[in-house]
Amino acid sequence: MGLRRGSTINAMSPEVSELLKRALALPVGERAALANTLLESVAGASESVQDAWDEEVARRIESLNSGKAVTVPWEELHRELLAMVNGR
């Protein structure tokens, strides 16, 4: 089973895929700090980014509540992501 809705992993350059692979190997605390720093660097760019995220969150909540969204257990998604990053 592959990722749904326009997988961004497939659109990554080899360099970014390697960076992601290395980041996923970090301890949880370091991954969280890295993720927060990256998000802050994007969110600080514009108020419109926050507005877009707010709209996306609302859309996703509605999709979940209506039963349209397909959910995947974290363990399954994690295995898929690691397999993609590792080129399997």
C-alpha atoms as a PDB file:
ATOM      1  CA  MET A   1       0.000   0.000   0.000  1.00  0.00           C
ATOM      2  CA  GLY A   2       1.505   3.357  -1.055  1.00  0.00           C
ATOM      3  CA  LEU A   3       1.106   6.865   0.214  1.00  0.00           C
ATOM      4  CA  ARG A   4      -2.095   8.661  -0.698  1.00  0.00           C
ATOM      5  CA  ARG A   5      -2.831  12.019  -2.395  1.00  0.00           C
ATOM      6  CA  GLY A   6       0.258  13.185  -4.240  1.00  0.00           C
ATOM      7  CA  SER A   7       3.109  11.706  -2.273  1.00  0.00           C
ATOM      8  CA  THR A   8       5.689  14.418  -1.621  1.00  0.00           C
ATOM      9  CA  ILE A   9       8.354  11.804  -0.894  1.00  0.00           C
ATOM     10  CA  ASN A  10       8.456  10.871  -4.596  1.00  0.00           C
ATOM     11  CA  ALA A  11       8.951  14.531  -5.547  1.00  0.00           C
ATOM     12  CA  MET A  12      12.068  14.931  -3.401  1.00  0.00           C
ATOM     13  CA  SER A  13      15.508  15.233  -4.904  1.00  0.00           C
ATOM     14  CA  PRO A  14      18.031  12.520  -4.000  1.00  0.00           C
ATOM     15  CA  GLU A  15      19.751  14.991  -1.685  1.00  0.00           C
ATOM     16  CA  VAL A  16      16.543  15.763   0.194  1.00  0.00           C
ATOM     17  CA  SER A  17      15.648  12.061   0.374  1.00  0.00           C
ATOM     18  CA  GLU A  18      19.048  11.378   1.930  1.00  0.00           C
ATOM     19  CA  LEU A  19      18.564  14.243   4.364  1.00  0.00           C
ATOM     20  CA  LEU A  20      15.149  12.849   5.331  1.00  0.00           C
ATOM     21  CA  LYS A  21      16.633   9.388   5.817  1.00  0.00           C
ATOM     22  CA  ARG A  22      19.273  10.843   8.145  1.00  0.00           C
ATOM     23  CA  ALA A  23      16.685  12.951   9.992  1.00  0.00           C
ATOM     24  CA  LEU A  24      14.435   9.934  10.568  1.00  0.00           C
ATOM     25  CA  ALA A  25      17.363   8.146  12.183  1.00  0.00           C
ATOM     26  CA  LEU A  26      17.708  10.863  14.847  1.00  0.00           C
ATOM     27  CA  PRO A  27      16.375  10.353  18.379  1.00  0.00           C
ATOM     28  CA  VAL A  28      12.789  11.527  18.863  1.00  0.00           C
ATOM     29  CA  GLY A  29      13.727  14.708  20.716  1.00  0.00           C
ATOM     30  CA  GLU A  30      16.162  15.805  18.019  1.00  0.00           C
ATOM     31  CA  ARG A  31      13.626  15.009  15.267  1.00  0.00           C
ATOM     32  CA  ALA A  32      11.002  17.100  17.082  1.00  0.00           C
ATOM     33  CA  ALA A  33      13.412  20.028  17.455  1.00  0.00           C
ATOM     34  CA  LEU A  34      14.357  19.799  13.783  1.00  0.00           C
ATOM     35  CA  ALA A  35      10.710  19.613  12.706  1.00  0.00           C
ATOM     36  CA  ASN A  36       9.803  22.626  14.835  1.00  0.00           C
ATOM     37  CA  THR A  37      12.681  24.650  13.436  1.00  0.00           C
ATOM     38  CA  LEU A  38      11.714  23.786   9.862  1.00  0.00           C
ATOM     39  CA  LEU A  39       8.061  24.627  10.483  1.00  0.00           C
ATOM     40  CA  GLU A  40       8.984  27.942  12.089  1.00  0.00           C
ATOM     41  CA  SER A  41      11.133  28.814   9.078  1.00  0.00           C
ATOM     42  CA  VAL A  42       8.152  28.268   6.780  1.00  0.00           C
ATOM     43  CA  ALA A  43       5.456  29.740   9.015  1.00  0.00           C
ATOM     44  CA  GLY A  44       7.463  32.899   9.599  1.00  0.00           C
ATOM     45  CA  ALA A  45       7.388  33.633   5.873  1.00  0.00           C
ATOM     46  CA  SER A  46       3.846  34.959   5.771  1.00  0.00           C
ATOM     47  CA  GLU A  47       0.513  35.216   7.541  1.00  0.00           C
ATOM     48  CA  SER A  48      -1.042  33.641   4.446  1.00  0.00           C
ATOM     49  CA  VAL A  49       0.820  30.438   5.242  1.00  0.00           C
ATOM     50  CA  GLN A  50      -1.003  30.229   8.591  1.00  0.00           C
ATOM     51  CA  ASP A  51      -4.306  30.984   6.886  1.00  0.00           C
ATOM     52  CA  ALA A  52      -3.671  28.215   4.371  1.00  0.00           C
ATOM     53  CA  TRP A  53      -2.835  25.751   7.165  1.00  0.00           C
ATOM     54  CA  ASP A  54      -5.978  26.753   9.071  1.00  0.00           C
ATOM     55  CA  GLU A  55      -8.072  26.078   5.956  1.00  0.00           C
ATOM     56  CA  GLU A  56      -6.307  22.766   5.335  1.00  0.00           C
ATOM     57  CA  VAL A  57      -6.849  21.636   8.931  1.00  0.00           C
ATOM     58  CA  ALA A  58     -10.538  22.525   8.704  1.00  0.00           C
ATOM     59  CA  ARG A  59     -10.817  20.628   5.409  1.00  0.00           C
ATOM     60  CA  ARG A  60      -9.115  17.560   6.860  1.00  0.00           C
ATOM     61  CA  ILE A  61     -11.277  17.584  10.000  1.00  0.00           C
ATOM     62  CA  GLU A  62     -14.395  17.752   7.823  1.00  0.00           C
ATOM     63  CA  SER A  63     -13.068  14.903   5.683  1.00  0.00           C
ATOM     64  CA  LEU A  64     -12.453  12.786   8.786  1.00  0.00           C
ATOM     65  CA  ASN A  65     -15.833  13.617  10.326  1.00  0.00           C
ATOM     66  CA  SER A  66     -17.687  12.825   7.105  1.00  0.00           C
ATOM     67  CA  GLY A  67     -15.917   9.473   6.689  1.00  0.00           C
ATOM     68  CA  LYS A  68     -14.313  10.465   3.368  1.00  0.00           C
ATOM     69  CA  ALA A  69     -10.757  10.336   4.673  1.00  0.00           C
ATOM     70  CA  VAL A  70      -8.783   7.122   4.555  1.00  0.00           C
ATOM     71  CA  THR A  71      -6.740   6.710   7.713  1.00  0.00           C
ATOM     72  CA  VAL A  72      -3.603   4.620   8.006  1.00  0.00           C
ATOM     73  CA  PRO A  73      -2.115   3.369  11.273  1.00  0.00           C
ATOM     74  CA  TRP A  74       1.167   5.138  12.122  1.00  0.00           C
ATOM     75  CA  GLU A  75       3.102   1.855  12.180  1.00  0.00           C
ATOM     76  CA  GLU A  76       2.060   1.066   8.602  1.00  0.00           C
ATOM     77  CA  LEU A  77       2.795   4.579   7.335  1.00  0.00           C
ATOM     78  CA  HIS A  78       6.170   4.622   9.100  1.00  0.00           C
ATOM     79  CA  ARG A  79       7.145   1.324   7.431  1.00  0.00           C
ATOM     80  CA  GLU A  80       6.099   2.708   4.033  1.00  0.00           C
ATOM     81  CA  LEU A  81       8.062   5.920   4.510  1.00  0.00           C
ATOM     82  CA  LEU A  82      11.201   4.090   5.589  1.00  0.00           C
ATOM     83  CA  ALA A  83      10.897   1.713   2.640  1.00  0.00           C
ATOM     84  CA  MET A  84      10.554   4.669   0.248  1.00  0.00           C
ATOM     85  CA  VAL A  85      13.509   6.500   1.751  1.00  0.00           C
ATOM     86  CA  ASN A  86      15.616   3.329   1.682  1.00  0.00           C
ATOM     87  CA  GLY A  87      14.699   2.725  -1.967  1.00  0.00           C
ATOM     88  CA  ARG A  88      12.810  -0.521  -1.471  1.00  0.00           C
END
